[in-house]
Amino acid sequence: MGAGNYAIASNRSRDLGVFLVILWTSLFSGTLDISDNPIFNLFRDVTPYTVFQYIARGLMGMKAFNVGMVSALLGVAIHYAIWFTWPAIYYAARRKLAFLVRSPVISGLLYGGIV
């Protein structure tokens, strides 16, 4: 393997590692958020099924409440897509903004507040 090929393989390996970290972070934080939401809505007599239909309503409109399980699953997919997007944005920003790397606690707190 030539030096150029090694650099490409190394970059691919690093990119895969970053992707996996973002993926696992997203799954973990998204699952925590999903867990919190039904508990909160339990006191309002709103089922998790309906919560996910509300999320799908952003794309489907009021039809989301008539489609059934399809819209609830779409709501779950949208929820996790959003939770995947935020860490990806943060990772891209930290590559451009040195402050995010130099002050991880402050930038993490600000990031958490924004999200």
PDB file of N, CA and C in Angstrom:
ATOM      1  N   MET A   1       0.859  -1.167   0.000  1.00  0.00           N
ATOM      2  CA  MET A   1       0.000   0.000   0.000  1.00  0.00           C
ATOM      3  C   MET A   1       0.902   1.226   0.000  1.00  0.00           C
ATOM      4  N   GLY A   2       0.684   2.135  -0.968  1.00  0.00           N
ATOM      5  CA  GLY A   2       1.480   3.347  -1.046  1.00  0.00           C
ATOM      6  C   GLY A   2       1.083   4.350   0.022  1.00  0.00           C
ATOM      7  N   ALA A   3       1.909   5.373   0.174  1.00  0.00           N
ATOM      8  CA  ALA A   3       1.660   6.390   1.205  1.00  0.00           C
ATOM      9  C   ALA A   3       0.326   7.096   0.962  1.00  0.00           C
ATOM     10  N   GLY A   4       0.009   7.361  -0.299  1.00  0.00           N
ATOM     11  CA  GLY A   4      -1.261   8.022  -0.624  1.00  0.00           C
ATOM     12  C   GLY A   4      -2.457   7.160  -0.263  1.00  0.00           C
ATOM     13  N   ASN A   5      -2.345   5.863  -0.546  1.00  0.00           N
ATOM     14  CA  ASN A   5      -3.430   4.935  -0.209  1.00  0.00           C
ATOM     15  C   ASN A   5      -3.596   4.801   1.297  1.00  0.00           C
ATOM     16  N   TYR A   6      -2.471   4.828   2.032  1.00  0.00           N
ATOM     17  CA  TYR A   6      -2.543   4.735   3.493  1.00  0.00           C
ATOM     18  C   TYR A   6      -3.257   5.951   4.072  1.00  0.00           C
ATOM     19  N   ALA A   7      -2.965   7.128   3.526  1.00  0.00           N
ATOM     20  CA  ALA A   7      -3.612   8.359   4.007  1.00  0.00           C
ATOM     21  C   ALA A   7      -5.105   8.311   3.747  1.00  0.00           C
ATOM     22  N   ILE A   8      -5.508   7.809   2.594  1.00  0.00           N
ATOM     23  CA  ILE A   8      -6.932   7.697   2.270  1.00  0.00           C
ATOM     24  C   ILE A   8      -7.609   6.709   3.208  1.00  0.00           C
ATOM     25  N   ALA A   9      -6.956   5.551   3.429  1.00  0.00           N
ATOM     26  CA  ALA A   9      -7.526   4.544   4.337  1.00  0.00           C
ATOM     27  C   ALA A   9      -7.599   5.095   5.753  1.00  0.00           C
ATOM     28  N   SER A  10      -6.579   5.839   6.169  1.00  0.00           N
ATOM     29  CA  SER A  10      -6.569   6.426   7.510  1.00  0.00           C
ATOM     30  C   SER A  10      -7.698   7.451   7.661  1.00  0.00           C
ATOM     31  N   ASN A  11      -7.902   8.283   6.663  1.00  0.00           N
ATOM     32  CA  ASN A  11      -8.984   9.272   6.701  1.00  0.00           C
ATOM     33  C   ASN A  11     -10.344   8.589   6.743  1.00  0.00           C
ATOM     34  N   ARG A  12     -10.508   7.527   5.972  1.00  0.00           N
ATOM     35  CA  ARG A  12     -11.779   6.792   5.979  1.00  0.00           C
ATOM     36  C   ARG A  12     -12.043   6.171   7.343  1.00  0.00           C
ATOM     37  N   SER A  13     -10.989   5.625   7.943  1.00  0.00           N
ATOM     38  CA  SER A  13     -11.120   5.025   9.264  1.00  0.00           C
ATOM     39  C   SER A  13     -11.497   6.089  10.297  1.00  0.00           C
ATOM     40  N   ARG A  14     -10.854   7.252  10.239  1.00  0.00           N
ATOM     41  CA  ARG A  14     -11.166   8.344  11.156  1.00  0.00           C
ATOM     42  C   ARG A  14     -12.591   8.827  10.943  1.00  0.00           C
ATOM     43  N   ASP A  15     -12.983   8.998   9.680  1.00  0.00           N
ATOM     44  CA  ASP A  15     -14.346   9.442   9.375  1.00  0.00           C
ATOM     45  C   ASP A  15     -15.388   8.446   9.871  1.00  0.00           C
ATOM     46  N   LEU A  16     -15.100   7.148   9.725  1.00  0.00           N
ATOM     47  CA  LEU A  16     -16.015   6.122  10.230  1.00  0.00           C
ATOM     48  C   LEU A  16     -16.110   6.206  11.748  1.00  0.00           C
ATOM     49  N   GLY A  17     -14.979   6.408  12.416  1.00  0.00           N
ATOM     50  CA  GLY A  17     -14.975   6.554  13.872  1.00  0.00           C
ATOM     51  C   GLY A  17     -15.804   7.747  14.325  1.00  0.00           C
ATOM     52  N   VAL A  18     -15.641   8.876  13.648  1.00  0.00           N
ATOM     53  CA  VAL A  18     -16.418  10.079  13.977  1.00  0.00           C
ATOM     54  C   VAL A  18     -17.897   9.807  13.753  1.00  0.00           C
ATOM     55  N   PHE A  19     -18.222   9.181  12.634  1.00  0.00           N
ATOM     56  CA  PHE A  19     -19.616   8.867  12.342  1.00  0.00           C
ATOM     57  C   PHE A  19     -20.215   7.981  13.435  1.00  0.00           C
ATOM     58  N   LEU A  20     -19.470   6.969  13.865  1.00  0.00           N
ATOM     59  CA  LEU A  20     -19.977   6.061  14.903  1.00  0.00           C
ATOM     60  C   LEU A  20     -20.166   6.777  16.233  1.00  0.00           C
ATOM     61  N   VAL A  21     -19.258   7.686  16.574  1.00  0.00           N
ATOM     62  CA  VAL A  21     -19.418   8.455  17.812  1.00  0.00           C
ATOM     63  C   VAL A  21     -20.667   9.324  17.728  1.00  0.00           C
ATOM     64  N   ILE A  22     -20.848   9.989  16.604  1.00  0.00           N
ATOM     65  CA  ILE A  22     -22.046  10.826  16.426  1.00  0.00           C
ATOM     66  C   ILE A  22     -23.304   9.962  16.454  1.00  0.00           C
ATOM     67  N   LEU A  23     -23.263   8.818  15.807  1.00  0.00           N
ATOM     68  CA  LEU A  23     -24.417   7.920  15.785  1.00  0.00           C
ATOM     69  C   LEU A  23     -24.781   7.457  17.192  1.00  0.00           C
ATOM     70  N   TRP A  24     -23.803   6.952  17.953  1.00  0.00           N
ATOM     71  CA  TRP A  24     -24.085   6.451  19.303  1.00  0.00           C
ATOM     72  C   TRP A  24     -24.522   7.571  20.235  1.00  0.00           C
ATOM     73  N   THR A  25     -23.892   8.742  20.098  1.00  0.00           N
ATOM     74  CA  THR A  25     -24.299   9.893  20.901  1.00  0.00           C
ATOM     75  C   THR A  25     -25.737  10.267  20.598  1.00  0.00           C
ATOM     76  N   SER A  26     -26.086  10.238  19.336  1.00  0.00           N
ATOM     77  CA  SER A  26     -27.445  10.582  18.913  1.00  0.00           C
ATOM     78  C   SER A  26     -28.464   9.566  19.422  1.00  0.00           C
ATOM     79  N   LEU A  27     -28.131   8.292  19.300  1.00  0.00           N
ATOM     80  CA  LEU A  27     -29.049   7.258  19.786  1.00  0.00           C
ATOM     81  C   LEU A  27     -29.253   7.364  21.293  1.00  0.00           C
ATOM     82  N   PHE A  28     -28.171   7.613  22.023  1.00  0.00           N
ATOM     83  CA  PHE A  28     -28.254   7.724  23.472  1.00  0.00           C
ATOM     84  C   PHE A  28     -29.077   8.938  23.888  1.00  0.00           C
ATOM     85  N   SER A  29     -28.725  10.117  23.360  1.00  0.00           N
ATOM     86  CA  SER A  29     -29.439  11.334  23.763  1.00  0.00           C
ATOM     87  C   SER A  29     -30.868  11.338  23.239  1.00  0.00           C
ATOM     88  N   GLY A  30     -31.075  10.819  22.040  1.00  0.00           N
ATOM     89  CA  GLY A  30     -32.434  10.744  21.503  1.00  0.00           C
ATOM     90  C   GLY A  30     -33.316   9.808  22.309  1.00  0.00           C
ATOM     91  N   THR A  31     -32.737   8.716  22.781  1.00  0.00           N
ATOM     92  CA  THR A  31     -33.492   7.770  23.606  1.00  0.00           C
ATOM     93  C   THR A  31     -33.809   8.378  24.973  1.00  0.00           C
ATOM     94  N   LEU A  32     -32.868   9.119  25.542  1.00  0.00           N
ATOM     95  CA  LEU A  32     -33.154   9.823  26.801  1.00  0.00           C
ATOM     96  C   LEU A  32     -34.308  10.808  26.607  1.00  0.00           C
ATOM     97  N   ASP A  33     -34.285  11.525  25.492  1.00  0.00           N
ATOM     98  CA  ASP A  33     -35.345  12.486  25.225  1.00  0.00           C
ATOM     99  C   ASP A  33     -36.686  11.786  25.025  1.00  0.00           C
ATOM    100  N   ILE A  34     -36.684  10.688  24.283  1.00  0.00           N
ATOM    101  CA  ILE A  34     -37.920   9.931  24.076  1.00  0.00           C
ATOM    102  C   ILE A  34     -38.444   9.397  25.405  1.00  0.00           C
ATOM    103  N   SER A  35     -37.541   8.985  26.278  1.00  0.00           N
ATOM    104  CA  SER A  35     -37.955   8.463  27.584  1.00  0.00           C
ATOM    105  C   SER A  35     -38.578   9.542  28.458  1.00  0.00           C
ATOM    106  N   ASP A  36     -38.050  10.734  28.387  1.00  0.00           N
ATOM    107  CA  ASP A  36     -38.563  11.843  29.187  1.00  0.00           C
ATOM    108  C   ASP A  36     -39.942  12.294  28.697  1.00  0.00           C
ATOM    109  N   ASN A  37     -40.113  12.334  27.411  1.00  0.00           N
ATOM    110  CA  ASN A  37     -41.346  12.874  26.838  1.00  0.00           C
ATOM    111  C   ASN A  37     -42.598  12.116  27.262  1.00  0.00           C
ATOM    112  N   PRO A  38     -42.648  10.796  27.158  1.00  0.00           N
ATOM    113  CA  PRO A  38     -43.863  10.089  27.596  1.00  0.00           C
ATOM    114  C   PRO A  38     -44.152  10.263  29.089  1.00  0.00           C
ATOM    115  N   ILE A  39     -43.094  10.338  29.902  1.00  0.00           N
ATOM    116  CA  ILE A  39     -43.317  10.533  31.340  1.00  0.00           C
ATOM    117  C   ILE A  39     -43.966  11.888  31.583  1.00  0.00           C
ATOM    118  N   PHE A  40     -43.459  12.914  30.928  1.00  0.00           N
ATOM    119  CA  PHE A  40     -44.028  14.252  31.056  1.00  0.00           C
ATOM    120  C   PHE A  40     -45.469  14.286  30.553  1.00  0.00           C
ATOM    121  N   ASN A  41     -45.705  13.676  29.394  1.00  0.00           N
ATOM    122  CA  ASN A  41     -47.040  13.719  28.797  1.00  0.00           C
ATOM    123  C   ASN A  41     -48.036  12.788  29.466  1.00  0.00           C
ATOM    124  N   LEU A  42     -47.562  11.843  30.264  1.00  0.00           N
ATOM    125  CA  LEU A  42     -48.454  10.954  30.997  1.00  0.00           C
ATOM    126  C   LEU A  42     -49.388  11.765  31.895  1.00  0.00           C
ATOM    127  N   PHE A  43     -48.864  12.845  32.461  1.00  0.00           N
ATOM    128  CA  PHE A  43     -49.670  13.693  33.334  1.00  0.00           C
ATOM    129  C   PHE A  43     -50.686  14.517  32.555  1.00  0.00           C
ATOM    130  N   ARG A  44     -50.535  14.580  31.251  1.00  0.00           N
ATOM    131  CA  ARG A  44     -51.470  15.326  30.393  1.00  0.00           C
ATOM    132  C   ARG A  44     -52.370  14.377  29.596  1.00  0.00           C
ATOM    133  N   ASP A  45     -52.307  13.085  29.884  1.00  0.00           N
ATOM    134  CA  ASP A  45     -53.082  12.058  29.182  1.00  0.00           C
ATOM    135  C   ASP A  45     -52.800  12.029  27.678  1.00  0.00           C
ATOM    136  N   VAL A  46     -51.535  12.195  27.311  1.00  0.00           N
ATOM    137  CA  VAL A  46     -51.115  12.107  25.919  1.00  0.00           C
ATOM    138  C   VAL A  46     -50.213  10.882  25.795  1.00  0.00           C
ATOM    139  N   THR A  47     -50.556   9.965  24.922  1.00  0.00           N
ATOM    140  CA  THR A  47     -49.778   8.735  24.765  1.00  0.00           C
ATOM    141  C   THR A  47     -48.518   8.984  23.935  1.00  0.00           C
ATOM    142  N   PRO A  48     -47.487   8.151  24.095  1.00  0.00           N
ATOM    143  CA  PRO A  48     -46.292   8.281  23.259  1.00  0.00           C
ATOM    144  C   PRO A  48     -46.630   8.174  21.768  1.00  0.00           C
ATOM    145  N   TYR A  49     -47.570   7.325  21.447  1.00  0.00           N
ATOM    146  CA  TYR A  49     -48.034   7.170  20.066  1.00  0.00           C
ATOM    147  C   TYR A  49     -48.466   8.513  19.494  1.00  0.00           C
ATOM    148  N   THR A  50     -49.250   9.261  20.264  1.00  0.00           N
ATOM    149  CA  THR A  50     -49.738  10.566  19.819  1.00  0.00           C
ATOM    150  C   THR A  50     -48.602  11.572  19.727  1.00  0.00           C
ATOM    151  N   VAL A  51     -47.646  11.495  20.650  1.00  0.00           N
ATOM    152  CA  VAL A  51     -46.497  12.406  20.615  1.00  0.00           C
ATOM    153  C   VAL A  51     -45.751  12.238  19.292  1.00  0.00           C
ATOM    154  N   PHE A  52     -45.544  10.997  18.875  1.00  0.00           N
ATOM    155  CA  PHE A  52     -44.829  10.769  17.622  1.00  0.00           C
ATOM    156  C   PHE A  52     -45.661  11.182  16.415  1.00  0.00           C
ATOM    157  N   GLN A  53     -46.964  11.085  16.523  1.00  0.00           N
ATOM    158  CA  GLN A  53     -47.810  11.594  15.450  1.00  0.00           C
ATOM    159  C   GLN A  53     -47.712  13.121  15.373  1.00  0.00           C
ATOM    160  N   TYR A  54     -47.591  13.773  16.511  1.00  0.00           N
ATOM    161  CA  TYR A  54     -47.389  15.217  16.512  1.00  0.00           C
ATOM    162  C   TYR A  54     -46.097  15.582  15.793  1.00  0.00           C
ATOM    163  N   ILE A  55     -45.055  14.802  16.023  1.00  0.00           N
ATOM    164  CA  ILE A  55     -43.788  15.058  15.339  1.00  0.00           C
ATOM    165  C   ILE A  55     -43.967  14.888  13.828  1.00  0.00           C
ATOM    166  N   ALA A  56     -44.644  13.820  13.423  1.00  0.00           N
ATOM    167  CA  ALA A  56     -44.861  13.561  11.995  1.00  0.00           C
ATOM    168  C   ALA A  56     -45.764  14.618  11.361  1.00  0.00           C
ATOM    169  N   ARG A  57     -46.580  15.241  12.175  1.00  0.00           N
ATOM    170  CA  ARG A  57     -47.480  16.278  11.658  1.00  0.00           C
ATOM    171  C   ARG A  57     -46.699  17.401  10.989  1.00  0.00           C
ATOM    172  N   GLY A  58     -45.451  17.611  11.409  1.00  0.00           N
ATOM    173  CA  GLY A  58     -44.616  18.632  10.776  1.00  0.00           C
ATOM    174  C   GLY A  58     -44.437  18.389   9.290  1.00  0.00           C
ATOM    175  N   LEU A  59     -44.420  17.150   8.867  1.00  0.00           N
ATOM    176  CA  LEU A  59     -44.291  16.814   7.445  1.00  0.00           C
ATOM    177  C   LEU A  59     -45.628  16.492   6.786  1.00  0.00           C
ATOM    178  N   MET A  60     -46.512  15.847   7.529  1.00  0.00           N
ATOM    179  CA  MET A  60     -47.742  15.321   6.933  1.00  0.00           C
ATOM    180  C   MET A  60     -48.969  16.197   7.149  1.00  0.00           C
ATOM    181  N   GLY A  61     -48.864  17.148   8.056  1.00  0.00           N
ATOM    182  CA  GLY A  61     -50.043  17.927   8.403  1.00  0.00           C
ATOM    183  C   GLY A  61     -50.988  17.096   9.264  1.00  0.00           C
ATOM    184  N   MET A  62     -52.236  17.496   9.315  1.00  0.00           N
ATOM    185  CA  MET A  62     -53.223  16.826  10.160  1.00  0.00           C
ATOM    186  C   MET A  62     -53.488  15.391   9.728  1.00  0.00           C
ATOM    187  N   LYS A  63     -53.108  15.058   8.502  1.00  0.00           N
ATOM    188  CA  LYS A  63     -53.273  13.683   8.007  1.00  0.00           C
ATOM    189  C   LYS A  63     -52.508  12.688   8.886  1.00  0.00           C
ATOM    190  N   ALA A  64     -51.483  13.160   9.603  1.00  0.00           N
ATOM    191  CA  ALA A  64     -50.670  12.286  10.451  1.00  0.00           C
ATOM    192  C   ALA A  64     -51.518  11.574  11.497  1.00  0.00           C
ATOM    193  N   PHE A  65     -52.601  12.185  11.928  1.00  0.00           N
ATOM    194  CA  PHE A  65     -53.436  11.575  12.959  1.00  0.00           C
ATOM    195  C   PHE A  65     -54.412  10.549  12.387  1.00  0.00           C
ATOM    196  N   ASN A  66     -54.518  10.474  11.077  1.00  0.00           N
ATOM    197  CA  ASN A  66     -55.422   9.523  10.431  1.00  0.00           C
ATOM    198  C   ASN A  66     -54.708   8.312   9.841  1.00  0.00           C
ATOM    199  N   VAL A  67     -53.391   8.382   9.736  1.00  0.00           N
ATOM    200  CA  VAL A  67     -52.625   7.326   9.068  1.00  0.00           C
ATOM    201  C   VAL A  67     -52.284   6.186  10.016  1.00  0.00           C
ATOM    202  N   GLY A  68     -52.197   6.463  11.297  1.00  0.00           N
ATOM    203  CA  GLY A  68     -51.941   5.406  12.279  1.00  0.00           C
ATOM    204  C   GLY A  68     -50.471   5.195  12.540  1.00  0.00           C
ATOM    205  N   MET A  69     -50.080   3.933  12.592  1.00  0.00           N
ATOM    206  CA  MET A  69     -48.723   3.549  12.973  1.00  0.00           C
ATOM    207  C   MET A  69     -47.665   4.123  12.035  1.00  0.00           C
ATOM    208  N   VAL A  70     -48.001   4.293  10.765  1.00  0.00           N
ATOM    209  CA  VAL A  70     -47.039   4.839   9.804  1.00  0.00           C
ATOM    210  C   VAL A  70     -46.563   6.217  10.250  1.00  0.00           C
ATOM    211  N   SER A  71     -47.488   7.057  10.665  1.00  0.00           N
ATOM    212  CA  SER A  71     -47.091   8.400  11.080  1.00  0.00           C
ATOM    213  C   SER A  71     -46.332   8.368  12.407  1.00  0.00           C
ATOM    214  N   ALA A  72     -46.683   7.453  13.295  1.00  0.00           N
ATOM    215  CA  ALA A  72     -45.942   7.337  14.557  1.00  0.00           C
ATOM    216  C   ALA A  72     -44.499   6.903  14.283  1.00  0.00           C
ATOM    217  N   LEU A  73     -44.313   5.944  13.392  1.00  0.00           N
ATOM    218  CA  LEU A  73     -42.958   5.508  13.034  1.00  0.00           C
ATOM    219  C   LEU A  73     -42.196   6.614  12.316  1.00  0.00           C
ATOM    220  N   LEU A  74     -42.884   7.364  11.482  1.00  0.00           N
ATOM    221  CA  LEU A  74     -42.255   8.510  10.833  1.00  0.00           C
ATOM    222  C   LEU A  74     -41.818   9.529  11.887  1.00  0.00           C
ATOM    223  N   GLY A  75     -42.641   9.732  12.899  1.00  0.00           N
ATOM    224  CA  GLY A  75     -42.294  10.638  13.987  1.00  0.00           C
ATOM    225  C   GLY A  75     -41.041  10.183  14.718  1.00  0.00           C
ATOM    226  N   VAL A  76     -40.917   8.892  14.960  1.00  0.00           N
ATOM    227  CA  VAL A  76     -39.717   8.354  15.605  1.00  0.00           C
ATOM    228  C   VAL A  76     -38.499   8.597  14.709  1.00  0.00           C
ATOM    229  N   ALA A  77     -38.636   8.335  13.408  1.00  0.00           N
ATOM    230  CA  ALA A  77     -37.525   8.536  12.471  1.00  0.00           C
ATOM    231  C   ALA A  77     -37.112  10.011  12.420  1.00  0.00           C
ATOM    232  N   ILE A  78     -38.077  10.902  12.401  1.00  0.00           N
ATOM    233  CA  ILE A  78     -37.777  12.336  12.390  1.00  0.00           C
ATOM    234  C   ILE A  78     -37.070  12.729  13.685  1.00  0.00           C
ATOM    235  N   HIS A  79     -37.572  12.216  14.793  1.00  0.00           N
ATOM    236  CA  HIS A  79     -36.969  12.515  16.095  1.00  0.00           C
ATOM    237  C   HIS A  79     -35.490  12.150  16.098  1.00  0.00           C
ATOM    238  N   TYR A  80     -35.171  10.932  15.672  1.00  0.00           N
ATOM    239  CA  TYR A  80     -33.772  10.509  15.673  1.00  0.00           C
ATOM    240  C   TYR A  80     -32.954  11.247  14.606  1.00  0.00           C
ATOM    241  N   ALA A  81     -33.552  11.609  13.495  1.00  0.00           N
ATOM    242  CA  ALA A  81     -32.831  12.386  12.477  1.00  0.00           C
ATOM    243  C   ALA A  81     -32.417  13.742  13.045  1.00  0.00           C
ATOM    244  N   ILE A  82     -33.307  14.353  13.812  1.00  0.00           N
ATOM    245  CA  ILE A  82     -32.980  15.630  14.447  1.00  0.00           C
ATOM    246  C   ILE A  82     -31.852  15.431  15.453  1.00  0.00           C
ATOM    247  N   TRP A  83     -31.946  14.377  16.253  1.00  0.00           N
ATOM    248  CA  TRP A  83     -30.920  14.121  17.261  1.00  0.00           C
ATOM    249  C   TRP A  83     -29.606  13.698  16.637  1.00  0.00           C
ATOM    250  N   PHE A  84     -29.603  13.216  15.419  1.00  0.00           N
ATOM    251  CA  PHE A  84     -28.364  12.922  14.709  1.00  0.00           C
ATOM    252  C   PHE A  84     -27.762  14.196  14.130  1.00  0.00           C
ATOM    253  N   THR A  85     -28.607  15.116  13.701  1.00  0.00           N
ATOM    254  CA  THR A  85     -28.151  16.339  13.045  1.00  0.00           C
ATOM    255  C   THR A  85     -27.395  17.261  14.002  1.00  0.00           C
ATOM    256  N   TRP A  86     -27.894  17.428  15.217  1.00  0.00           N
ATOM    257  CA  TRP A  86     -27.246  18.365  16.155  1.00  0.00           C
ATOM    258  C   TRP A  86     -25.812  17.991  16.492  1.00  0.00           C
ATOM    259  N   PRO A  87     -25.499  16.751  16.856  1.00  0.00           N
ATOM    260  CA  PRO A  87     -24.087  16.428  17.099  1.00  0.00           C
ATOM    261  C   PRO A  87     -23.221  16.568  15.844  1.00  0.00           C
ATOM    262  N   ALA A  88     -23.791  16.279  14.679  1.00  0.00           N
ATOM    263  CA  ALA A  88     -23.033  16.440  13.435  1.00  0.00           C
ATOM    264  C   ALA A  88     -22.703  17.913  13.196  1.00  0.00           C
ATOM    265  N   ILE A  89     -23.654  18.794  13.483  1.00  0.00           N
ATOM    266  CA  ILE A  89     -23.411  20.234  13.346  1.00  0.00           C
ATOM    267  C   ILE A  89     -22.329  20.676  14.326  1.00  0.00           C
ATOM    268  N   TYR A  90     -22.420  20.194  15.563  1.00  0.00           N
ATOM    269  CA  TYR A  90     -21.423  20.546  16.572  1.00  0.00           C
ATOM    270  C   TYR A  90     -20.035  20.083  16.146  1.00  0.00           C
ATOM    271  N   TYR A  91     -19.942  18.855  15.638  1.00  0.00           N
ATOM    272  CA  TYR A  91     -18.647  18.336  15.197  1.00  0.00           C
ATOM    273  C   TYR A  91     -18.092  19.191  14.068  1.00  0.00           C
ATOM    274  N   ALA A  92     -18.919  19.536  13.099  1.00  0.00           N
ATOM    275  CA  ALA A  92     -18.454  20.369  11.985  1.00  0.00           C
ATOM    276  C   ALA A  92     -18.025  21.747  12.492  1.00  0.00           C
ATOM    277  N   ALA A  93     -18.774  22.304  13.432  1.00  0.00           N
ATOM    278  CA  ALA A  93     -18.440  23.626  13.969  1.00  0.00           C
ATOM    279  C   ALA A  93     -17.130  23.593  14.748  1.00  0.00           C
ATOM    280  N   ARG A  94     -16.897  22.521  15.494  1.00  0.00           N
ATOM    281  CA  ARG A  94     -15.682  22.473  16.303  1.00  0.00           C
ATOM    282  C   ARG A  94     -14.438  22.345  15.448  1.00  0.00           C
ATOM    283  N   ARG A  95     -14.596  21.905  14.232  1.00  0.00           N
ATOM    284  CA  ARG A  95     -13.447  21.835  13.323  1.00  0.00           C
ATOM    285  C   ARG A  95     -13.090  23.220  12.795  1.00  0.00           C
ATOM    286  N   LYS A  96     -14.060  24.140  12.830  1.00  0.00           N
ATOM    287  CA  LYS A  96     -13.839  25.493  12.319  1.00  0.00           C
ATOM    288  C   LYS A  96     -13.627  26.517  13.436  1.00  0.00           C
ATOM    289  N   LEU A  97     -14.197  26.279  14.616  1.00  0.00           N
ATOM    290  CA  LEU A  97     -14.142  27.237  15.713  1.00  0.00           C
ATOM    291  C   LEU A  97     -13.274  26.681  16.839  1.00  0.00           C
ATOM    292  N   ALA A  98     -12.084  27.230  16.974  1.00  0.00           N
ATOM    293  CA  ALA A  98     -11.126  26.723  17.956  1.00  0.00           C
ATOM    294  C   ALA A  98     -11.653  26.847  19.387  1.00  0.00           C
ATOM    295  N   PHE A  99     -12.507  27.822  19.651  1.00  0.00           N
ATOM    296  CA  PHE A  99     -13.067  28.012  20.994  1.00  0.00           C
ATOM    297  C   PHE A  99     -13.768  26.748  21.480  1.00  0.00           C
ATOM    298  N   LEU A 100     -14.452  26.062  20.596  1.00  0.00           N
ATOM    299  CA  LEU A 100     -15.187  24.861  20.983  1.00  0.00           C
ATOM    300  C   LEU A 100     -14.258  23.760  21.473  1.00  0.00           C
ATOM    301  N   VAL A 101     -13.030  23.750  20.956  1.00  0.00           N
ATOM    302  CA  VAL A 101     -12.055  22.739  21.370  1.00  0.00           C
ATOM    303  C   VAL A 101     -11.314  23.200  22.628  1.00  0.00           C
ATOM    304  N   ARG A 102     -10.975  24.491  22.685  1.00  0.00           N
ATOM    305  CA  ARG A 102     -10.221  25.019  23.830  1.00  0.00           C
ATOM    306  C   ARG A 102     -11.046  25.058  25.110  1.00  0.00           C
ATOM    307  N   SER A 103     -12.347  25.284  24.996  1.00  0.00           N
ATOM    308  CA  SER A 103     -13.219  25.404  26.172  1.00  0.00           C
ATOM    309  C   SER A 103     -14.384  24.424  26.061  1.00  0.00           C
ATOM    310  N   PRO A 104     -14.103  23.132  26.205  1.00  0.00           N
ATOM    311  CA  PRO A 104     -15.154  22.142  25.959  1.00  0.00           C
ATOM    312  C   PRO A 104     -16.322  22.217  26.944  1.00  0.00           C
ATOM    313  N   VAL A 105     -16.069  22.557  28.196  1.00  0.00           N
ATOM    314  CA  VAL A 105     -17.162  22.608  29.170  1.00  0.00           C
ATOM    315  C   VAL A 105     -18.096  23.762  28.857  1.00  0.00           C
ATOM    316  N   ILE A 106     -17.543  24.939  28.653  1.00  0.00           N
ATOM    317  CA  ILE A 106     -18.376  26.108  28.348  1.00  0.00           C
ATOM    318  C   ILE A 106     -19.103  25.916  27.027  1.00  0.00           C
ATOM    319  N   SER A 107     -18.385  25.452  25.997  1.00  0.00           N
ATOM    320  CA  SER A 107     -19.034  25.266  24.700  1.00  0.00           C
ATOM    321  C   SER A 107     -20.067  24.149  24.753  1.00  0.00           C
ATOM    322  N   GLY A 108     -19.809  23.113  25.549  1.00  0.00           N
ATOM    323  CA  GLY A 108     -20.797  22.040  25.700  1.00  0.00           C
ATOM    324  C   GLY A 108     -22.051  22.522  26.388  1.00  0.00           C
ATOM    325  N   LEU A 109     -21.882  23.354  27.403  1.00  0.00           N
ATOM    326  CA  LEU A 109     -23.048  23.920  28.097  1.00  0.00           C
ATOM    327  C   LEU A 109     -23.854  24.840  27.177  1.00  0.00           C
ATOM    328  N   LEU A 110     -23.149  25.661  26.410  1.00  0.00           N
ATOM    329  CA  LEU A 110     -23.840  26.526  25.453  1.00  0.00           C
ATOM    330  C   LEU A 110     -24.564  25.702  24.389  1.00  0.00           C
ATOM    331  N   TYR A 111     -23.905  24.681  23.898  1.00  0.00           N
ATOM    332  CA  TYR A 111     -24.496  23.777  22.910  1.00  0.00           C
ATOM    333  C   TYR A 111     -25.759  23.124  23.480  1.00  0.00           C
ATOM    334  N   GLY A 112     -25.657  22.622  24.703  1.00  0.00           N
ATOM    335  CA  GLY A 112     -26.811  21.991  25.342  1.00  0.00           C
ATOM    336  C   GLY A 112     -27.961  22.968  25.527  1.00  0.00           C
ATOM    337  N   GLY A 113     -27.642  24.205  25.870  1.00  0.00           N
ATOM    338  CA  GLY A 113     -28.678  25.218  26.016  1.00  0.00           C
ATOM    339  C   GLY A 113     -29.363  25.549  24.706  1.00  0.00           C
ATOM    340  N   ILE A 114     -28.586  25.589  23.640  1.00  0.00           N
ATOM    341  CA  ILE A 114     -29.160  25.886  22.313  1.00  0.00           C
ATOM    342  C   ILE A 114     -30.036  24.734  21.839  1.00  0.00           C
ATOM    343  N   VAL A 115     -29.534  23.530  21.982  1.00  0.00           N
ATOM    344  CA  VAL A 115     -30.281  22.368  21.533  1.00  0.00           C
ATOM    345  C   VAL A 115     -31.501  22.176  22.428  1.00  0.00           C
TER     346      VAL A 115
END
